[in-house]
N, C-alpha and C. Protein backbone atom coordinates (compact mmCIF):
# COMPACT_ATOMS: atom_id res chain seq x y z
N UNK A 1 -28.03 -99.84 28.94
CA UNK A 1 -26.91 -100.08 28.36
C UNK A 1 -26.71 -101.51 28.09
N UNK A 2 -26.19 -101.95 26.93
CA UNK A 2 -26.13 -103.45 26.74
C UNK A 2 -24.53 -103.67 26.65
N UNK A 3 -23.98 -104.74 27.20
CA UNK A 3 -22.61 -104.89 27.18
C UNK A 3 -22.46 -106.23 26.90
N UNK A 4 -21.47 -106.56 26.04
CA UNK A 4 -21.40 -108.43 25.62
C UNK A 4 -19.53 -108.51 26.12
N UNK A 5 -19.95 -109.27 27.25
CA UNK A 5 -18.57 -109.50 28.19
C UNK A 5 -17.46 -110.18 27.23
N UNK A 6 -16.22 -109.42 27.19
CA UNK A 6 -15.18 -110.15 26.62
C UNK A 6 -14.44 -110.90 27.27
N UNK A 7 -13.31 -111.68 26.74
CA UNK A 7 -12.86 -112.59 27.40
C UNK A 7 -11.86 -112.21 28.37
N UNK A 8 -11.39 -110.96 28.08
CA UNK A 8 -10.44 -110.49 29.03
C UNK A 8 -10.90 -110.21 30.41
N UNK A 9 -12.17 -109.77 30.00
CA UNK A 9 -12.85 -109.50 31.44
C UNK A 9 -13.26 -110.51 32.37
N UNK A 10 -12.98 -111.76 32.28
CA UNK A 10 -13.14 -112.90 33.03
C UNK A 10 -11.92 -113.32 33.71
N UNK A 11 -12.18 -114.20 34.60
CA UNK A 11 -10.98 -114.76 35.47
C UNK A 11 -10.77 -116.02 35.05
N UNK A 12 -9.62 -116.55 36.03
CA UNK A 12 -9.52 -118.10 35.90
C UNK A 12 -10.53 -118.97 36.11
N UNK A 13 -11.52 -118.57 36.70
CA UNK A 13 -12.61 -119.58 36.70
C UNK A 13 -13.54 -119.22 35.56
N UNK A 14 -13.31 -118.51 34.81
CA UNK A 14 -13.92 -118.21 33.26
C UNK A 14 -15.29 -117.32 33.67
N UNK A 15 -15.30 -116.33 35.01
CA UNK A 15 -16.58 -115.65 35.04
C UNK A 15 -16.04 -114.23 35.10
N UNK A 16 -16.65 -113.41 34.98
CA UNK A 16 -16.36 -111.82 34.92
C UNK A 16 -15.86 -111.49 36.18
N UNK A 17 -14.47 -110.99 36.30
CA UNK A 17 -14.01 -110.60 37.54
C UNK A 17 -14.81 -109.58 38.17
N UNK A 18 -14.83 -109.98 39.72
CA UNK A 18 -15.68 -108.87 40.41
C UNK A 18 -15.63 -107.60 40.07
N UNK A 19 -14.03 -106.96 39.67
CA UNK A 19 -13.71 -105.60 39.58
C UNK A 19 -14.42 -105.04 38.65
N UNK A 20 -14.94 -105.95 37.53
CA UNK A 20 -15.26 -105.09 36.16
C UNK A 20 -16.68 -104.72 36.41
N UNK A 21 -17.50 -105.10 37.42
CA UNK A 21 -18.84 -104.80 37.46
C UNK A 21 -18.54 -103.27 37.64
N UNK A 22 -17.93 -102.91 38.44
CA UNK A 22 -17.60 -101.40 38.82
C UNK A 22 -17.49 -100.54 37.31
N UNK A 23 -16.63 -101.05 36.67
CA UNK A 23 -16.34 -100.79 35.30
C UNK A 23 -17.84 -100.59 34.45
N UNK A 24 -18.33 -101.48 34.73
CA UNK A 24 -19.70 -101.49 34.01
C UNK A 24 -20.48 -100.50 34.31
N UNK A 25 -20.82 -100.25 35.66
CA UNK A 25 -21.41 -99.17 36.61
C UNK A 25 -21.16 -97.76 35.80
N UNK A 26 -19.81 -97.86 35.74
CA UNK A 26 -19.31 -96.45 35.20
C UNK A 26 -19.58 -96.09 33.94
N UNK A 27 -19.48 -97.13 32.97
CA UNK A 27 -19.70 -97.09 31.43
C UNK A 27 -21.58 -96.74 31.50
N UNK A 28 -22.24 -97.28 32.21
CA UNK A 28 -23.62 -97.38 32.38
C UNK A 28 -24.18 -95.74 32.76
N UNK A 29 -23.36 -95.26 33.71
CA UNK A 29 -23.47 -93.97 34.44
C UNK A 29 -23.28 -92.81 33.22
N UNK A 30 -22.24 -92.97 32.54
CA UNK A 30 -21.76 -92.15 31.58
C UNK A 30 -23.05 -92.20 30.31
N UNK A 31 -23.52 -93.50 29.91
CA UNK A 31 -24.54 -93.48 28.63
C UNK A 31 -25.80 -92.83 29.29
N UNK A 32 -26.17 -93.09 30.77
CA UNK A 32 -27.23 -92.31 31.43
C UNK A 32 -27.14 -90.94 31.43
N UNK A 33 -26.35 -90.45 31.76
CA UNK A 33 -25.96 -89.14 31.64
C UNK A 33 -26.11 -88.48 30.30
N UNK A 34 -25.56 -89.10 29.35
CA UNK A 34 -25.58 -88.71 28.09
C UNK A 34 -27.47 -88.68 27.41
N UNK A 35 -27.90 -89.60 27.71
CA UNK A 35 -29.38 -89.52 27.25
C UNK A 35 -30.28 -88.87 28.15
N UNK A 36 -30.22 -88.60 29.51
CA UNK A 36 -30.95 -88.17 30.27
C UNK A 36 -30.69 -86.87 30.80
N UNK A 37 -29.36 -86.22 30.72
CA UNK A 37 -29.14 -84.88 31.29
C UNK A 37 -28.43 -84.22 30.35
N UNK A 38 -26.92 -84.56 30.44
CA UNK A 38 -26.27 -83.96 29.25
C UNK A 38 -24.85 -84.71 29.00
N UNK A 39 -24.16 -84.67 27.97
CA UNK A 39 -23.00 -85.52 27.65
C UNK A 39 -22.01 -85.23 28.47
N UNK A 40 -21.29 -86.33 29.20
CA UNK A 40 -20.29 -85.89 30.06
C UNK A 40 -19.25 -85.05 29.73
N UNK A 41 -18.90 -85.54 28.40
CA UNK A 41 -17.58 -84.37 27.95
C UNK A 41 -17.97 -82.66 28.01
N UNK A 42 -19.55 -82.68 28.15
CA UNK A 42 -19.63 -81.08 28.63
C UNK A 42 -19.31 -80.84 30.01
N UNK A 43 -19.63 -81.61 30.83
CA UNK A 43 -18.86 -81.34 32.32
C UNK A 43 -17.46 -81.24 32.24
N UNK A 44 -17.04 -82.02 31.57
CA UNK A 44 -15.40 -82.03 31.68
C UNK A 44 -15.02 -80.81 30.82
N UNK A 45 -15.75 -80.24 29.39
CA UNK A 45 -15.02 -78.90 28.97
C UNK A 45 -15.50 -77.59 30.06
N UNK A 46 -16.28 -77.92 31.07
CA UNK A 46 -16.49 -76.75 31.75
C UNK A 46 -15.46 -77.09 33.39
N UNK A 47 -14.97 -77.91 33.29
CA UNK A 47 -13.60 -78.48 34.48
C UNK A 47 -14.51 -79.00 35.30
N UNK A 48 -15.44 -79.79 34.91
CA UNK A 48 -16.37 -80.36 36.45
C UNK A 48 -16.18 -82.24 36.18
N UNK A 49 -16.20 -82.47 37.42
CA UNK A 49 -16.11 -83.93 37.37
C UNK A 49 -17.16 -84.66 38.49
N UNK A 50 -17.61 -85.85 38.18
CA UNK A 50 -18.58 -86.50 39.08
C UNK A 50 -17.44 -87.30 39.74
N UNK A 51 -16.78 -86.94 40.86
CA UNK A 51 -15.92 -87.80 41.64
C UNK A 51 -16.48 -88.98 42.19
N UNK A 52 -16.16 -90.23 42.20
CA UNK A 52 -16.70 -91.29 43.25
C UNK A 52 -16.41 -91.25 44.35
N UNK A 53 -17.44 -91.16 45.41
CA UNK A 53 -16.93 -91.21 46.86
C UNK A 53 -17.54 -92.51 47.48
N UNK A 54 -18.37 -93.17 46.75
CA UNK A 54 -18.81 -94.56 47.68
C UNK A 54 -19.30 -95.59 46.33
N UNK A 55 -19.13 -96.70 46.78
CA UNK A 55 -19.48 -97.83 45.54
C UNK A 55 -20.05 -99.07 46.58
N UNK A 56 -21.04 -99.48 46.27
CA UNK A 56 -21.86 -100.62 46.75
C UNK A 56 -21.99 -101.65 45.50
N UNK A 57 -21.84 -103.11 45.78
CA UNK A 57 -21.94 -103.91 45.05
C UNK A 57 -22.37 -105.13 45.66
N UNK A 58 -23.46 -105.75 45.38
CA UNK A 58 -24.03 -106.94 45.84
C UNK A 58 -24.16 -107.95 44.31
N UNK A 59 -23.22 -109.15 44.55
CA UNK A 59 -23.14 -109.97 43.58
C UNK A 59 -23.90 -111.32 43.75
N UNK A 60 -25.07 -111.56 42.87
CA UNK A 60 -26.06 -112.48 43.10
C UNK A 60 -25.73 -113.73 42.24
N UNK A 61 -25.44 -113.74 41.11
CA UNK A 61 -25.12 -114.73 40.22
C UNK A 61 -23.90 -114.25 39.45
N UNK A 62 -22.93 -115.18 39.00
CA UNK A 62 -21.78 -114.73 38.15
C UNK A 62 -22.32 -114.50 36.56
N UNK A 63 -21.72 -113.76 35.96
CA UNK A 63 -21.52 -113.30 34.13
C UNK A 63 -20.41 -114.32 33.85
N UNK A 64 -20.64 -114.61 32.47
CA UNK A 64 -19.39 -115.36 31.81
C UNK A 64 -19.35 -114.93 30.52
N UNK A 65 -18.14 -115.04 30.01
CA UNK A 65 -17.64 -114.88 28.77
C UNK A 65 -18.74 -114.92 27.70
N UNK A 66 -18.73 -113.86 26.99
CA UNK A 66 -19.99 -113.61 25.58
C UNK A 66 -21.39 -113.12 26.09
N UNK A 67 -21.62 -113.42 27.75
CA UNK A 67 -23.04 -112.84 28.02
C UNK A 67 -23.39 -111.56 27.59
N UNK A 68 -24.29 -111.29 27.03
CA UNK A 68 -24.96 -109.82 26.93
C UNK A 68 -25.72 -109.55 27.91
N UNK A 69 -25.07 -108.68 28.49
CA UNK A 69 -25.74 -108.23 29.79
C UNK A 69 -26.57 -106.78 29.60
N UNK A 70 -27.38 -106.75 30.51
CA UNK A 70 -28.37 -105.23 30.31
C UNK A 70 -28.00 -104.79 31.52
N UNK A 71 -27.33 -103.53 31.74
CA UNK A 71 -27.09 -102.57 32.78
C UNK A 71 -28.17 -101.54 32.85
N UNK A 72 -29.11 -101.42 33.88
CA UNK A 72 -30.02 -100.81 34.06
C UNK A 72 -29.40 -99.73 34.83
N UNK A 73 -29.72 -98.22 34.79
CA UNK A 73 -29.11 -97.28 35.57
C UNK A 73 -30.35 -96.50 35.93
N UNK A 74 -30.27 -95.75 36.97
CA UNK A 74 -31.37 -94.75 37.45
C UNK A 74 -30.76 -93.93 38.90
N UNK A 75 -31.18 -92.79 38.92
CA UNK A 75 -30.37 -92.07 40.16
C UNK A 75 -31.59 -92.42 41.24
N UNK A 76 -31.00 -92.12 42.36
CA UNK A 76 -31.64 -92.51 43.53
C UNK A 76 -31.89 -91.32 44.20
N UNK A 77 -31.06 -90.49 44.25
CA UNK A 77 -31.06 -88.99 44.77
C UNK A 77 -30.24 -87.95 44.21
N UNK A 78 -30.46 -87.05 44.23
CA UNK A 78 -29.38 -85.51 43.80
C UNK A 78 -29.38 -84.54 45.06
N UNK A 79 -28.29 -84.17 45.48
CA UNK A 79 -28.56 -83.27 46.58
C UNK A 79 -27.57 -82.29 45.73
N UNK A 80 -27.28 -81.27 47.06
CA UNK A 80 -26.40 -79.65 46.65
C UNK A 80 -25.21 -80.07 45.81
N UNK A 81 -24.41 -81.00 45.97
CA UNK A 81 -22.97 -81.19 45.25
C UNK A 81 -22.87 -82.65 45.17
N UNK A 82 -24.05 -83.68 45.19
CA UNK A 82 -23.73 -84.95 45.11
C UNK A 82 -25.08 -85.56 44.37
N UNK A 83 -24.78 -86.77 44.05
CA UNK A 83 -26.09 -87.71 43.48
C UNK A 83 -25.40 -89.29 43.71
N UNK A 84 -26.50 -90.11 43.74
CA UNK A 84 -26.33 -91.38 43.77
C UNK A 84 -27.07 -92.14 42.87
N UNK A 85 -26.46 -93.05 42.03
CA UNK A 85 -26.83 -93.65 40.87
C UNK A 85 -27.03 -95.36 41.33
N UNK A 86 -27.98 -95.93 41.01
CA UNK A 86 -28.24 -97.14 41.44
C UNK A 86 -28.21 -98.17 40.07
N UNK A 87 -27.92 -99.52 40.29
CA UNK A 87 -27.72 -100.24 38.80
C UNK A 87 -28.39 -101.54 39.14
N UNK A 88 -28.78 -102.28 38.14
CA UNK A 88 -29.05 -103.53 38.08
C UNK A 88 -28.50 -104.26 36.86
N UNK A 89 -27.63 -105.06 36.95
CA UNK A 89 -26.95 -105.85 35.67
C UNK A 89 -27.92 -107.09 35.52
N UNK A 90 -28.31 -107.39 34.50
CA UNK A 90 -29.48 -108.55 34.02
C UNK A 90 -28.62 -109.59 33.03
N UNK A 91 -28.91 -110.76 32.78
CA UNK A 91 -28.73 -111.50 31.84
C UNK A 91 -30.11 -112.19 31.79
N UNK A 92 -30.84 -111.57 30.49
CA UNK A 92 -32.19 -112.23 30.08
C UNK A 92 -32.97 -111.54 31.42
N UNK A 93 -33.70 -112.35 32.19
CA UNK A 93 -34.55 -111.82 33.14
C UNK A 93 -33.88 -112.15 34.54
N UNK A 94 -32.78 -112.82 34.62
CA UNK A 94 -32.06 -112.79 35.80
C UNK A 94 -31.04 -111.54 36.26
N UNK A 95 -31.43 -111.17 37.43
CA UNK A 95 -30.47 -110.31 37.94
C UNK A 95 -29.39 -110.76 38.53
N UNK A 96 -28.21 -110.34 38.04
CA UNK A 96 -26.86 -110.67 38.53
C UNK A 96 -26.21 -110.13 39.52
N UNK A 97 -26.21 -108.58 39.24
CA UNK A 97 -25.64 -107.81 40.16
C UNK A 97 -26.09 -106.70 40.35
N UNK A 98 -26.36 -106.10 41.60
CA UNK A 98 -27.13 -104.84 41.82
C UNK A 98 -25.96 -104.03 42.54
N UNK A 99 -26.01 -102.61 42.63
CA UNK A 99 -25.22 -102.05 43.46
C UNK A 99 -25.76 -100.31 43.13
N UNK A 100 -24.81 -99.57 43.84
CA UNK A 100 -24.92 -98.12 43.84
C UNK A 100 -23.64 -97.36 43.85
N UNK A 101 -23.74 -96.26 43.25
CA UNK A 101 -22.35 -95.12 43.23
C UNK A 101 -22.61 -93.84 44.05
N UNK A 102 -21.90 -93.45 44.76
CA UNK A 102 -22.25 -91.96 45.08
C UNK A 102 -21.10 -91.06 44.40
N UNK A 103 -21.71 -89.87 43.86
CA UNK A 103 -20.48 -89.00 43.30
C UNK A 103 -20.71 -87.56 43.73
N UNK A 104 -19.64 -86.91 43.97
CA UNK A 104 -19.53 -85.65 44.66
C UNK A 104 -18.99 -84.83 42.96
N UNK A 105 -19.74 -83.67 42.67
CA UNK A 105 -19.15 -82.92 41.65
C UNK A 105 -17.96 -81.87 42.21
N UNK A 106 -16.84 -82.24 41.59
CA UNK A 106 -15.84 -81.23 41.75
C UNK A 106 -15.08 -80.61 40.69
N UNK A 107 -14.62 -79.39 41.20
CA UNK A 107 -14.05 -78.57 40.21
C UNK A 107 -12.76 -79.08 39.58
N UNK A 108 -12.23 -79.45 38.63
CA UNK A 108 -11.28 -79.98 38.28
C UNK A 108 -9.85 -79.17 38.80
N UNK A 109 -10.06 -77.88 38.49
CA UNK A 109 -8.57 -77.05 38.96
C UNK A 109 -8.46 -77.04 40.25
N UNK A 110 -9.58 -76.93 41.43
CA UNK A 110 -9.19 -77.19 42.63
C UNK A 110 -9.30 -78.07 43.28
N UNK A 111 -10.17 -79.32 43.03
CA UNK A 111 -10.33 -80.52 43.06
C UNK A 111 -11.25 -80.52 44.47
N UNK A 112 -11.87 -79.57 44.51
CA UNK A 112 -13.03 -79.05 45.83
C UNK A 112 -14.48 -79.60 44.94
N UNK A 113 -15.26 -79.78 46.24
CA UNK A 113 -16.58 -79.91 45.67
C UNK A 113 -17.28 -78.55 45.22
N UNK A 114 -18.10 -78.85 44.29
CA UNK A 114 -18.99 -77.52 43.57
C UNK A 114 -20.06 -78.10 43.81
N UNK A 115 -21.11 -76.98 44.01
CA UNK A 115 -22.36 -77.57 44.15
C UNK A 115 -23.13 -77.56 42.59
N UNK A 116 -23.92 -78.28 42.50
CA UNK A 116 -24.64 -78.85 41.00
C UNK A 116 -25.42 -77.83 40.93
N UNK A 117 -25.38 -76.66 39.89
CA UNK A 117 -26.22 -75.93 39.57
C UNK A 117 -28.09 -76.24 39.45
N UNK A 118 -28.63 -75.34 40.06
CA UNK A 118 -29.71 -75.52 40.58
C UNK A 118 -30.78 -76.26 39.54
N UNK A 119 -30.52 -75.57 38.16
CA UNK A 119 -31.37 -76.07 37.26
C UNK A 119 -31.24 -77.56 36.66
N UNK A 120 -29.54 -77.82 36.92
CA UNK A 120 -29.21 -79.24 36.60
C UNK A 120 -29.97 -80.28 37.72
N UNK A 121 -29.93 -79.75 38.95
CA UNK A 121 -30.45 -80.57 39.85
C UNK A 121 -31.95 -80.87 39.59
N UNK A 122 -32.79 -79.94 39.59
CA UNK A 122 -33.71 -80.20 39.40
C UNK A 122 -34.20 -80.90 37.90
N UNK A 123 -33.40 -80.76 36.98
CA UNK A 123 -33.42 -81.67 35.81
C UNK A 123 -33.28 -83.12 36.28
N UNK A 124 -32.10 -83.38 37.13
CA UNK A 124 -31.69 -84.74 37.50
C UNK A 124 -32.96 -85.05 38.51
N UNK A 125 -33.20 -84.31 39.24
CA UNK A 125 -34.42 -84.74 40.07
C UNK A 125 -35.69 -85.11 39.68
N UNK A 126 -36.12 -84.61 38.57
CA UNK A 126 -37.13 -85.01 37.85
C UNK A 126 -37.05 -86.59 37.16
N UNK A 127 -35.91 -87.19 37.25
CA UNK A 127 -35.63 -88.39 36.63
C UNK A 127 -35.52 -89.63 37.83
N UNK A 128 -35.56 -89.25 38.99
CA UNK A 128 -35.59 -90.08 40.19
C UNK A 128 -36.52 -91.35 40.28
N UNK A 129 -36.06 -92.36 40.14
CA UNK A 129 -36.87 -93.52 40.07
C UNK A 129 -36.99 -94.32 41.82
N UNK A 130 -38.21 -94.24 42.05
CA UNK A 130 -38.33 -94.79 43.81
C UNK A 130 -38.30 -96.33 43.44
N UNK A 131 -37.70 -97.05 44.36
CA UNK A 131 -37.77 -98.30 44.39
C UNK A 131 -38.05 -98.95 45.55
């Protein structure tokens, strides 16, 4: 996913505020699901969500206003009711931020974890990238 940094995403030091990288992860994860599994709106229509249970972010270098960032996204693992997505945010060939998020599939009505259907897990599993 490509993201051009908006002015409002920067802080008083004119760099991207650290919290925005988690938003970039979220946007990229939804795009990844749309392209490699199924549109997130289909999960929502079935009353399912991937609730975030864990976030890791490593800041290597700052991004600035109007930078055109590339957000690479890939799954690291898929389990019964959860998955882990990894991210690398780049400006040209320079890695600025790396991280990962973990998500549990939950039923919207009850808020309780729900197993990812086997055929979905298998399809997601086939996209795992070893690093």
